[in-house]
Amino acid sequence: MKISKAELADTWYKRALGLMFRTKQEKPLIFKLGRESLLGANIHCCFMRFPIDVLFLNAQKCVVDKALNVKPWTLNVAPRKPAKYIIEFPVGQGTAKLGEQIEWKE
């Protein structure tokens, strides 16, 4: 799967804020974590107003887990395998299969 337009959460502030308080999501939001792990790869959906699809990727940008149609105010969404990237898609767009490699321009 190739992502042509995405927003990068490339600062501490952007990663902390994520999609909170937005009224809609127009393109995927990509989080790059410091290292591949289980502990730092969880998200929450507090203060969100819409559901999302979430893909968790390893260092090779392959999907290791996913959570579809995650509702607002869900407290802990975490992968079952270590992840280095998290991509939050508008609901219905996180269609990649486990093991599939995701490409985007950094």
PDB file of N, CA and C in Angstrom:
ATOM      1  N   MET A   1       0.855  -1.171   0.000  1.00  0.00           N
ATOM      2  CA  MET A   1       0.000   0.000   0.000  1.00  0.00           C
ATOM      3  C   MET A   1       0.899   1.231   0.000  1.00  0.00           C
ATOM      4  N   LYS A   2       0.546   2.205  -0.799  1.00  0.00           N
ATOM      5  CA  LYS A   2       1.305   3.452  -0.859  1.00  0.00           C
ATOM      6  C   LYS A   2       0.416   4.596  -0.394  1.00  0.00           C
ATOM      7  N   ILE A   3       0.958   5.415   0.505  1.00  0.00           N
ATOM      8  CA  ILE A   3       0.240   6.590   1.003  1.00  0.00           C
ATOM      9  C   ILE A   3       0.818   7.807   0.287  1.00  0.00           C
ATOM     10  N   SER A   4      -0.021   8.510  -0.468  1.00  0.00           N
ATOM     11  CA  SER A   4       0.493   9.648  -1.237  1.00  0.00           C
ATOM     12  C   SER A   4       0.450  10.953  -0.447  1.00  0.00           C
ATOM     13  N   LYS A   5      -0.577  11.138   0.347  1.00  0.00           N
ATOM     14  CA  LYS A   5      -0.684  12.348   1.164  1.00  0.00           C
ATOM     15  C   LYS A   5      -0.918  11.944   2.604  1.00  0.00           C
ATOM     16  N   ALA A   6      -0.046  12.415   3.478  1.00  0.00           N
ATOM     17  CA  ALA A   6      -0.168  12.099   4.901  1.00  0.00           C
ATOM     18  C   ALA A   6       0.366  13.258   5.718  1.00  0.00           C
ATOM     19  N   GLU A   7      -0.042  13.289   6.956  1.00  0.00           N
ATOM     20  CA  GLU A   7       0.468  14.265   7.912  1.00  0.00           C
ATOM     21  C   GLU A   7       1.421  13.517   8.842  1.00  0.00           C
ATOM     22  N   LEU A   8       2.584  14.091   9.092  1.00  0.00           N
ATOM     23  CA  LEU A   8       3.555  13.450   9.976  1.00  0.00           C
ATOM     24  C   LEU A   8       3.506  14.081  11.357  1.00  0.00           C
ATOM     25  N   ALA A   9       3.408  13.238  12.363  1.00  0.00           N
ATOM     26  CA  ALA A   9       3.513  13.697  13.750  1.00  0.00           C
ATOM     27  C   ALA A   9       4.986  13.580  14.105  1.00  0.00           C
ATOM     28  N   ASP A  10       5.751  14.582  13.693  1.00  0.00           N
ATOM     29  CA  ASP A  10       7.204  14.501  13.771  1.00  0.00           C
ATOM     30  C   ASP A  10       7.820  15.353  14.884  1.00  0.00           C
ATOM     31  N   THR A  11       6.995  15.927  15.733  1.00  0.00           N
ATOM     32  CA  THR A  11       7.505  16.647  16.900  1.00  0.00           C
ATOM     33  C   THR A  11       6.813  16.091  18.140  1.00  0.00           C
ATOM     34  N   TRP A  12       7.379  16.370  19.293  1.00  0.00           N
ATOM     35  CA  TRP A  12       6.763  15.908  20.537  1.00  0.00           C
ATOM     36  C   TRP A  12       5.341  16.454  20.658  1.00  0.00           C
ATOM     37  N   TYR A  13       5.154  17.715  20.334  1.00  0.00           N
ATOM     38  CA  TYR A  13       3.839  18.338  20.451  1.00  0.00           C
ATOM     39  C   TYR A  13       2.823  17.683  19.511  1.00  0.00           C
ATOM     40  N   LYS A  14       3.196  17.452  18.259  1.00  0.00           N
ATOM     41  CA  LYS A  14       2.280  16.824  17.299  1.00  0.00           C
ATOM     42  C   LYS A  14       1.929  15.401  17.718  1.00  0.00           C
ATOM     43  N   ARG A  15       2.918  14.682  18.273  1.00  0.00           N
ATOM     44  CA  ARG A  15       2.636  13.313  18.734  1.00  0.00           C
ATOM     45  C   ARG A  15       1.710  13.328  19.944  1.00  0.00           C
ATOM     46  N   ALA A  16       1.897  14.279  20.853  1.00  0.00           N
ATOM     47  CA  ALA A  16       1.050  14.358  22.045  1.00  0.00           C
ATOM     48  C   ALA A  16      -0.379  14.761  21.679  1.00  0.00           C
ATOM     49  N   LEU A  17      -0.525  15.663  20.734  1.00  0.00           N
ATOM     50  CA  LEU A  17      -1.854  16.155  20.358  1.00  0.00           C
ATOM     51  C   LEU A  17      -2.594  15.186  19.449  1.00  0.00           C
ATOM     52  N   GLY A  18      -1.872  14.587  18.498  1.00  0.00           N
ATOM     53  CA  GLY A  18      -2.499  13.633  17.580  1.00  0.00           C
ATOM     54  C   GLY A  18      -3.730  14.214  16.908  1.00  0.00           C
ATOM     55  N   LEU A  19      -4.843  13.495  16.977  1.00  0.00           N
ATOM     56  CA  LEU A  19      -6.093  13.935  16.357  1.00  0.00           C
ATOM     57  C   LEU A  19      -7.079  14.526  17.369  1.00  0.00           C
ATOM     58  N   MET A  20      -6.625  14.745  18.588  1.00  0.00           N
ATOM     59  CA  MET A  20      -7.531  15.282  19.609  1.00  0.00           C
ATOM     60  C   MET A  20      -8.070  16.649  19.195  1.00  0.00           C
ATOM     61  N   PHE A  21      -9.318  16.888  19.501  1.00  0.00           N
ATOM     62  CA  PHE A  21     -10.023  18.158  19.316  1.00  0.00           C
ATOM     63  C   PHE A  21     -10.331  18.494  17.863  1.00  0.00           C
ATOM     64  N   ARG A  22      -9.932  17.687  16.918  1.00  0.00           N
ATOM     65  CA  ARG A  22     -10.266  17.958  15.513  1.00  0.00           C
ATOM     66  C   ARG A  22     -11.703  17.545  15.241  1.00  0.00           C
ATOM     67  N   THR A  23     -12.308  18.177  14.258  1.00  0.00           N
ATOM     68  CA  THR A  23     -13.683  17.836  13.902  1.00  0.00           C
ATOM     69  C   THR A  23     -13.753  16.807  12.786  1.00  0.00           C
ATOM     70  N   LYS A  24     -12.656  16.651  12.019  1.00  0.00           N
ATOM     71  CA  LYS A  24     -12.614  15.635  10.966  1.00  0.00           C
ATOM     72  C   LYS A  24     -11.165  15.312  10.642  1.00  0.00           C
ATOM     73  N   GLN A  25     -10.991  14.223   9.916  1.00  0.00           N
ATOM     74  CA  GLN A  25      -9.658  13.806   9.481  1.00  0.00           C
ATOM     75  C   GLN A  25      -9.690  13.646   7.975  1.00  0.00           C
ATOM     76  N   GLU A  26      -8.795  14.321   7.291  1.00  0.00           N
ATOM     77  CA  GLU A  26      -8.780  14.272   5.832  1.00  0.00           C
ATOM     78  C   GLU A  26      -7.703  13.358   5.260  1.00  0.00           C
ATOM     79  N   LYS A  27      -6.637  13.119   6.018  1.00  0.00           N
ATOM     80  CA  LYS A  27      -5.552  12.270   5.532  1.00  0.00           C
ATOM     81  C   LYS A  27      -4.944  11.512   6.708  1.00  0.00           C
ATOM     82  N   PRO A  28      -4.222  10.438   6.427  1.00  0.00           N
ATOM     83  CA  PRO A  28      -3.616   9.658   7.507  1.00  0.00           C
ATOM     84  C   PRO A  28      -2.616  10.482   8.318  1.00  0.00           C
ATOM     85  N   LEU A  29      -2.509  10.135   9.592  1.00  0.00           N
ATOM     86  CA  LEU A  29      -1.537  10.745  10.492  1.00  0.00           C
ATOM     87  C   LEU A  29      -0.530   9.667  10.865  1.00  0.00           C
ATOM     88  N   ILE A  30       0.760   9.926  10.580  1.00  0.00           N
ATOM     89  CA  ILE A  30       1.814   8.942  10.802  1.00  0.00           C
ATOM     90  C   ILE A  30       2.676   9.356  11.990  1.00  0.00           C
ATOM     91  N   PHE A  31       2.793   8.441  12.964  1.00  0.00           N
ATOM     92  CA  PHE A  31       3.645   8.636  14.130  1.00  0.00           C
ATOM     93  C   PHE A  31       4.889   7.777  13.952  1.00  0.00           C
ATOM     94  N   LYS A  32       6.078   8.372  14.081  1.00  0.00           N
ATOM     95  CA  LYS A  32       7.326   7.606  14.078  1.00  0.00           C
ATOM     96  C   LYS A  32       7.825   7.582  15.512  1.00  0.00           C
ATOM     97  N   LEU A  33       7.896   6.383  16.068  1.00  0.00           N
ATOM     98  CA  LEU A  33       8.335   6.224  17.448  1.00  0.00           C
ATOM     99  C   LEU A  33       9.859   6.163  17.511  1.00  0.00           C
ATOM    100  N   GLY A  34      10.403   6.396  18.680  1.00  0.00           N
ATOM    101  CA  GLY A  34      11.852   6.396  18.839  1.00  0.00           C
ATOM    102  C   GLY A  34      12.502   5.076  18.480  1.00  0.00           C
ATOM    103  N   ARG A  35      11.859   3.981  18.875  1.00  0.00           N
ATOM    104  CA  ARG A  35      12.386   2.653  18.557  1.00  0.00           C
ATOM    105  C   ARG A  35      11.214   1.678  18.505  1.00  0.00           C
ATOM    106  N   GLU A  36      11.449   0.555  17.925  1.00  0.00           N
ATOM    107  CA  GLU A  36      10.419  -0.477  17.825  1.00  0.00           C
ATOM    108  C   GLU A  36      10.198  -1.082  19.207  1.00  0.00           C
ATOM    109  N   SER A  37       8.963  -1.016  19.712  1.00  0.00           N
ATOM    110  CA  SER A  37       8.677  -1.580  21.031  1.00  0.00           C
ATOM    111  C   SER A  37       7.184  -1.817  21.199  1.00  0.00           C
ATOM    112  N   LEU A  38       6.849  -2.506  22.273  1.00  0.00           N
ATOM    113  CA  LEU A  38       5.455  -2.680  22.659  1.00  0.00           C
ATOM    114  C   LEU A  38       5.011  -1.561  23.595  1.00  0.00           C
ATOM    115  N   LEU A  39       5.903  -1.142  24.486  1.00  0.00           N
ATOM    116  CA  LEU A  39       5.537  -0.209  25.546  1.00  0.00           C
ATOM    117  C   LEU A  39       5.141   1.176  25.036  1.00  0.00           C
ATOM    118  N   GLY A  40       5.861   1.721  24.083  1.00  0.00           N
ATOM    119  CA  GLY A  40       5.573   3.075  23.627  1.00  0.00           C
ATOM    120  C   GLY A  40       4.655   3.144  22.432  1.00  0.00           C
ATOM    121  N   ALA A  41       4.085   2.023  22.026  1.00  0.00           N
ATOM    122  CA  ALA A  41       3.317   1.987  20.785  1.00  0.00           C
ATOM    123  C   ALA A  41       1.810   1.994  21.004  1.00  0.00           C
ATOM    124  N   ASN A  42       1.358   2.423  22.171  1.00  0.00           N
ATOM    125  CA  ASN A  42      -0.086   2.450  22.404  1.00  0.00           C
ATOM    126  C   ASN A  42      -0.619   3.873  22.236  1.00  0.00           C
ATOM    127  N   ILE A  43      -1.896   3.963  21.892  1.00  0.00           N
ATOM    128  CA  ILE A  43      -2.556   5.260  21.722  1.00  0.00           C
ATOM    129  C   ILE A  43      -3.865   5.261  22.495  1.00  0.00           C
ATOM    130  N   HIS A  44      -4.438   6.447  22.637  1.00  0.00           N
ATOM    131  CA  HIS A  44      -5.787   6.585  23.185  1.00  0.00           C
ATOM    132  C   HIS A  44      -6.580   7.483  22.250  1.00  0.00           C
ATOM    133  N   CYS A  45      -7.879   7.487  22.397  1.00  0.00           N
ATOM    134  CA  CYS A  45      -8.743   8.312  21.551  1.00  0.00           C
ATOM    135  C   CYS A  45      -9.547   9.304  22.382  1.00  0.00           C
ATOM    136  N   CYS A  46      -8.984   9.732  23.498  1.00  0.00           N
ATOM    137  CA  CYS A  46      -9.640  10.741  24.331  1.00  0.00           C
ATOM    138  C   CYS A  46      -9.730  12.056  23.565  1.00  0.00           C
ATOM    139  N   PHE A  47     -10.804  12.763  23.750  1.00  0.00           N
ATOM    140  CA  PHE A  47     -11.048  14.056  23.129  1.00  0.00           C
ATOM    141  C   PHE A  47     -11.129  13.992  21.609  1.00  0.00           C
ATOM    142  N   MET A  48     -11.386  12.805  21.076  1.00  0.00           N
ATOM    143  CA  MET A  48     -11.581  12.668  19.630  1.00  0.00           C
ATOM    144  C   MET A  48     -13.070  12.654  19.340  1.00  0.00           C
ATOM    145  N   ARG A  49     -13.431  13.072  18.148  1.00  0.00           N
ATOM    146  CA  ARG A  49     -14.844  13.229  17.786  1.00  0.00           C
ATOM    147  C   ARG A  49     -15.297  12.268  16.699  1.00  0.00           C
ATOM    148  N   PHE A  50     -14.413  11.377  16.253  1.00  0.00           N
ATOM    149  CA  PHE A  50     -14.751  10.473  15.149  1.00  0.00           C
ATOM    150  C   PHE A  50     -13.939   9.187  15.308  1.00  0.00           C
ATOM    151  N   PRO A  51     -14.420   8.075  14.747  1.00  0.00           N
ATOM    152  CA  PRO A  51     -13.665   6.817  14.808  1.00  0.00           C
ATOM    153  C   PRO A  51     -12.510   6.833  13.806  1.00  0.00           C
ATOM    154  N   ILE A  52     -11.521   5.976  14.039  1.00  0.00           N
ATOM    155  CA  ILE A  52     -10.359   5.864  13.155  1.00  0.00           C
ATOM    156  C   ILE A  52      -9.976   4.395  12.966  1.00  0.00           C
ATOM    157  N   ASP A  53      -9.199   4.142  11.925  1.00  0.00           N
ATOM    158  CA  ASP A  53      -8.535   2.860  11.732  1.00  0.00           C
ATOM    159  C   ASP A  53      -7.064   3.068  12.085  1.00  0.00           C
ATOM    160  N   VAL A  54      -6.471   2.108  12.774  1.00  0.00           N
ATOM    161  CA  VAL A  54      -5.080   2.239  13.224  1.00  0.00           C
ATOM    162  C   VAL A  54      -4.270   1.053  12.712  1.00  0.00           C
ATOM    163  N   LEU A  55      -3.136   1.361  12.084  1.00  0.00           N
ATOM    164  CA  LEU A  55      -2.189   0.323  11.675  1.00  0.00           C
ATOM    165  C   LEU A  55      -0.903   0.495  12.477  1.00  0.00           C
ATOM    166  N   PHE A  56      -0.365  -0.612  12.960  1.00  0.00           N
ATOM    167  CA  PHE A  56       0.908  -0.630  13.673  1.00  0.00           C
ATOM    168  C   PHE A  56       1.927  -1.301  12.763  1.00  0.00           C
ATOM    169  N   LEU A  57       3.069  -0.640  12.538  1.00  0.00           N
ATOM    170  CA  LEU A  57       4.086  -1.132  11.623  1.00  0.00           C
ATOM    171  C   LEU A  57       5.411  -1.348  12.348  1.00  0.00           C
ATOM    172  N   ASN A  58       6.179  -2.326  11.885  1.00  0.00           N
ATOM    173  CA  ASN A  58       7.505  -2.555  12.445  1.00  0.00           C
ATOM    174  C   ASN A  58       8.516  -1.617  11.770  1.00  0.00           C
ATOM    175  N   ALA A  59       9.792  -1.795  12.057  1.00  0.00           N
ATOM    176  CA  ALA A  59      10.837  -0.919  11.512  1.00  0.00           C
ATOM    177  C   ALA A  59      10.950  -1.031   9.991  1.00  0.00           C
ATOM    178  N   GLN A  60      10.515  -2.151   9.423  1.00  0.00           N
ATOM    179  CA  GLN A  60      10.543  -2.333   7.973  1.00  0.00           C
ATOM    180  C   GLN A  60       9.266  -1.804   7.306  1.00  0.00           C
ATOM    181  N   LYS A  61       8.418  -1.153   8.080  1.00  0.00           N
ATOM    182  CA  LYS A  61       7.145  -0.564   7.621  1.00  0.00           C
ATOM    183  C   LYS A  61       6.146  -1.625   7.150  1.00  0.00           C
ATOM    184  N   CYS A  62       6.202  -2.802   7.789  1.00  0.00           N
ATOM    185  CA  CYS A  62       5.228  -3.860   7.516  1.00  0.00           C
ATOM    186  C   CYS A  62       4.200  -3.879   8.643  1.00  0.00           C
ATOM    187  N   VAL A  63       2.952  -4.110   8.290  1.00  0.00           N
ATOM    188  CA  VAL A  63       1.866  -4.118   9.273  1.00  0.00           C
ATOM    189  C   VAL A  63       2.011  -5.313  10.200  1.00  0.00           C
ATOM    190  N   VAL A  64       2.117  -5.037  11.520  1.00  0.00           N
ATOM    191  CA  VAL A  64       2.215  -6.115  12.505  1.00  0.00           C
ATOM    192  C   VAL A  64       0.916  -6.288  13.292  1.00  0.00           C
ATOM    193  N   ASP A  65       0.052  -5.265  13.270  1.00  0.00           N
ATOM    194  CA  ASP A  65      -1.252  -5.350  13.935  1.00  0.00           C
ATOM    195  C   ASP A  65      -2.110  -4.195  13.449  1.00  0.00           C
ATOM    196  N   LYS A  66      -3.409  -4.314  13.655  1.00  0.00           N
ATOM    197  CA  LYS A  66      -4.305  -3.226  13.285  1.00  0.00           C
ATOM    198  C   LYS A  66      -5.531  -3.232  14.174  1.00  0.00           C
ATOM    199  N   ALA A  67      -6.146  -2.068  14.272  1.00  0.00           N
ATOM    200  CA  ALA A  67      -7.390  -1.902  15.024  1.00  0.00           C
ATOM    201  C   ALA A  67      -8.306  -1.057  14.145  1.00  0.00           C
ATOM    202  N   LEU A  68      -9.422  -1.624  13.760  1.00  0.00           N
ATOM    203  CA  LEU A  68     -10.326  -0.933  12.851  1.00  0.00           C
ATOM    204  C   LEU A  68     -11.532  -0.360  13.582  1.00  0.00           C
ATOM    205  N   ASN A  69     -12.004   0.778  13.092  1.00  0.00           N
ATOM    206  CA  ASN A  69     -13.194   1.445  13.627  1.00  0.00           C
ATOM    207  C   ASN A  69     -13.079   1.682  15.139  1.00  0.00           C
ATOM    208  N   VAL A  70     -11.954   2.252  15.546  1.00  0.00           N
ATOM    209  CA  VAL A  70     -11.719   2.561  16.962  1.00  0.00           C
ATOM    210  C   VAL A  70     -12.542   3.792  17.316  1.00  0.00           C
ATOM    211  N   LYS A  71     -13.389   3.647  18.288  1.00  0.00           N
ATOM    212  CA  LYS A  71     -14.333   4.702  18.670  1.00  0.00           C
ATOM    213  C   LYS A  71     -13.664   5.797  19.509  1.00  0.00           C
ATOM    214  N   PRO A  72     -14.210   7.019  19.450  1.00  0.00           N
ATOM    215  CA  PRO A  72     -13.731   8.074  20.342  1.00  0.00           C
ATOM    216  C   PRO A  72     -13.811   7.615  21.800  1.00  0.00           C
ATOM    217  N   TRP A  73     -12.879   8.090  22.602  1.00  0.00           N
ATOM    218  CA  TRP A  73     -12.785   7.808  24.025  1.00  0.00           C
ATOM    219  C   TRP A  73     -12.344   6.382  24.343  1.00  0.00           C
ATOM    220  N   THR A  74     -11.819   5.659  23.362  1.00  0.00           N
ATOM    221  CA  THR A  74     -11.195   4.373  23.649  1.00  0.00           C
ATOM    222  C   THR A  74      -9.873   4.661  24.344  1.00  0.00           C
ATOM    223  N   LEU A  75      -9.622   3.995  25.468  1.00  0.00           N
ATOM    224  CA  LEU A  75      -8.488   4.374  26.301  1.00  0.00           C
ATOM    225  C   LEU A  75      -7.147   3.759  25.939  1.00  0.00           C
ATOM    226  N   ASN A  76      -7.100   2.529  25.498  1.00  0.00           N
ATOM    227  CA  ASN A  76      -5.797   1.918  25.249  1.00  0.00           C
ATOM    228  C   ASN A  76      -5.857   1.033  24.017  1.00  0.00           C
ATOM    229  N   VAL A  77      -5.249   1.501  22.952  1.00  0.00           N
ATOM    230  CA  VAL A  77      -5.149   0.725  21.720  1.00  0.00           C
ATOM    231  C   VAL A  77      -3.665   0.405  21.560  1.00  0.00           C
ATOM    232  N   ALA A  78      -3.329  -0.870  21.658  1.00  0.00           N
ATOM    233  CA  ALA A  78      -1.921  -1.273  21.641  1.00  0.00           C
ATOM    234  C   ALA A  78      -1.732  -2.461  20.699  1.00  0.00           C
ATOM    235  N   PRO A  79      -0.560  -2.547  20.080  1.00  0.00           N
ATOM    236  CA  PRO A  79      -0.291  -3.686  19.198  1.00  0.00           C
ATOM    237  C   PRO A  79       0.079  -4.935  19.997  1.00  0.00           C
ATOM    238  N   ARG A  80      -0.079  -6.093  19.363  1.00  0.00           N
ATOM    239  CA  ARG A  80       0.321  -7.353  19.992  1.00  0.00           C
ATOM    240  C   ARG A  80       1.777  -7.684  19.700  1.00  0.00           C
ATOM    241  N   LYS A  81       2.378  -6.964  18.743  1.00  0.00           N
ATOM    242  CA  LYS A  81       3.794  -7.136  18.408  1.00  0.00           C
ATOM    243  C   LYS A  81       4.453  -5.759  18.433  1.00  0.00           C
ATOM    244  N   PRO A  82       5.763  -5.699  18.641  1.00  0.00           N
ATOM    245  CA  PRO A  82       6.451  -4.404  18.684  1.00  0.00           C
ATOM    246  C   PRO A  82       6.242  -3.591  17.410  1.00  0.00           C
ATOM    247  N   ALA A  83       6.100  -2.274  17.569  1.00  0.00           N
ATOM    248  CA  ALA A  83       5.877  -1.373  16.447  1.00  0.00           C
ATOM    249  C   ALA A  83       6.802  -0.164  16.528  1.00  0.00           C
ATOM    250  N   LYS A  84       7.162   0.361  15.367  1.00  0.00           N
ATOM    251  CA  LYS A  84       7.958   1.583  15.274  1.00  0.00           C
ATOM    252  C   LYS A  84       7.140   2.729  14.704  1.00  0.00           C
ATOM    253  N   TYR A  85       6.099   2.402  13.940  1.00  0.00           N
ATOM    254  CA  TYR A  85       5.231   3.407  13.337  1.00  0.00           C
ATOM    255  C   TYR A  85       3.779   3.106  13.680  1.00  0.00           C
ATOM    256  N   ILE A  86       3.000   4.158  13.836  1.00  0.00           N
ATOM    257  CA  ILE A  86       1.557   4.041  14.011  1.00  0.00           C
ATOM    258  C   ILE A  86       0.933   4.957  12.978  1.00  0.00           C
ATOM    259  N   ILE A  87      -0.031   4.434  12.233  1.00  0.00           N
ATOM    260  CA  ILE A  87      -0.726   5.258  11.254  1.00  0.00           C
ATOM    261  C   ILE A  87      -2.205   5.277  11.609  1.00  0.00           C
ATOM    262  N   GLU A  88      -2.743   6.471  11.782  1.00  0.00           N
ATOM    263  CA  GLU A  88      -4.168   6.656  12.062  1.00  0.00           C
ATOM    264  C   GLU A  88      -4.845   7.121  10.774  1.00  0.00           C
ATOM    265  N   PHE A  89      -5.755   6.289  10.281  1.00  0.00           N
ATOM    266  CA  PHE A  89      -6.477   6.558   9.037  1.00  0.00           C
ATOM    267  C   PHE A  89      -7.907   6.995   9.323  1.00  0.00           C
ATOM    268  N   PRO A  90      -8.498   7.753   8.401  1.00  0.00           N
ATOM    269  CA  PRO A  90      -9.945   7.933   8.476  1.00  0.00           C
ATOM    270  C   PRO A  90     -10.590   6.542   8.432  1.00  0.00           C
ATOM    271  N   VAL A  91     -11.663   6.362   9.175  1.00  0.00           N
ATOM    272  CA  VAL A  91     -12.284   5.041   9.261  1.00  0.00           C
ATOM    273  C   VAL A  91     -12.635   4.525   7.858  1.00  0.00           C
ATOM    274  N   GLY A  92     -12.347   3.236   7.638  1.00  0.00           N
ATOM    275  CA  GLY A  92     -12.591   2.609   6.348  1.00  0.00           C
ATOM    276  C   GLY A  92     -11.397   2.620   5.413  1.00  0.00           C
ATOM    277  N   GLN A  93     -10.324   3.342   5.773  1.00  0.00           N
ATOM    278  CA  GLN A  93      -9.166   3.441   4.883  1.00  0.00           C
ATOM    279  C   GLN A  93      -7.961   2.624   5.344  1.00  0.00           C
ATOM    280  N   GLY A  94      -8.016   2.040   6.518  1.00  0.00           N
ATOM    281  CA  GLY A  94      -6.908   1.225   7.022  1.00  0.00           C
ATOM    282  C   GLY A  94      -7.044  -0.207   6.543  1.00  0.00           C
ATOM    283  N   THR A  95      -6.996  -0.397   5.233  1.00  0.00           N
ATOM    284  CA  THR A  95      -7.345  -1.685   4.629  1.00  0.00           C
ATOM    285  C   THR A  95      -6.163  -2.628   4.407  1.00  0.00           C
ATOM    286  N   ALA A  96      -4.976  -2.238   4.805  1.00  0.00           N
ATOM    287  CA  ALA A  96      -3.797  -3.092   4.586  1.00  0.00           C
ATOM    288  C   ALA A  96      -3.911  -4.393   5.365  1.00  0.00           C
ATOM    289  N   LYS A  97      -3.309  -5.422   4.828  1.00  0.00           N
ATOM    290  CA  LYS A  97      -3.307  -6.740   5.475  1.00  0.00           C
ATOM    291  C   LYS A  97      -2.083  -6.879   6.370  1.00  0.00           C
ATOM    292  N   LEU A  98      -2.164  -7.773   7.338  1.00  0.00           N
ATOM    293  CA  LEU A  98      -1.005  -8.068   8.181  1.00  0.00           C
ATOM    294  C   LEU A  98       0.148  -8.525   7.302  1.00  0.00           C
ATOM    295  N   GLY A  99       1.336  -7.994   7.552  1.00  0.00           N
ATOM    296  CA  GLY A  99       2.516  -8.327   6.768  1.00  0.00           C
ATOM    297  C   GLY A  99       2.733  -7.440   5.559  1.00  0.00           C
ATOM    298  N   GLU A 100       1.711  -6.693   5.161  1.00  0.00           N
ATOM    299  CA  GLU A 100       1.835  -5.812   3.995  1.00  0.00           C
ATOM    300  C   GLU A 100       2.739  -4.627   4.325  1.00  0.00           C
ATOM    301  N   GLN A 101       3.579  -4.256   3.365  1.00  0.00           N
ATOM    302  CA  GLN A 101       4.463  -3.112   3.559  1.00  0.00           C
ATOM    303  C   GLN A 101       3.756  -1.836   3.115  1.00  0.00           C
ATOM    304  N   ILE A 102       3.915  -0.786   3.913  1.00  0.00           N
ATOM    305  CA  ILE A 102       3.299   0.521   3.651  1.00  0.00           C
ATOM    306  C   ILE A 102       4.416   1.480   3.230  1.00  0.00           C
ATOM    307  N   GLU A 103       4.166   2.247   2.182  1.00  0.00           N
ATOM    308  CA  GLU A 103       5.158   3.200   1.706  1.00  0.00           C
ATOM    309  C   GLU A 103       4.617   4.619   1.788  1.00  0.00           C
ATOM    310  N   TRP A 104       5.507   5.548   2.133  1.00  0.00           N
ATOM    311  CA  TRP A 104       5.187   6.980   2.106  1.00  0.00           C
ATOM    312  C   TRP A 104       6.487   7.741   2.020  1.00  0.00           C
ATOM    313  N   LYS A 105       6.393   8.987   1.655  1.00  0.00           N
ATOM    314  CA  LYS A 105       7.560   9.863   1.578  1.00  0.00           C
ATOM    315  C   LYS A 105       7.752  10.522   2.923  1.00  0.00           C
ATOM    316  N   GLU A 106       8.950  10.426   3.492  1.00  0.00           N
ATOM    317  CA  GLU A 106       9.233  11.055   4.788  1.00  0.00           C
ATOM    318  C   GLU A 106       9.866  12.408   4.585  1.00  0.00           C
TER     319      GLU A 106
END
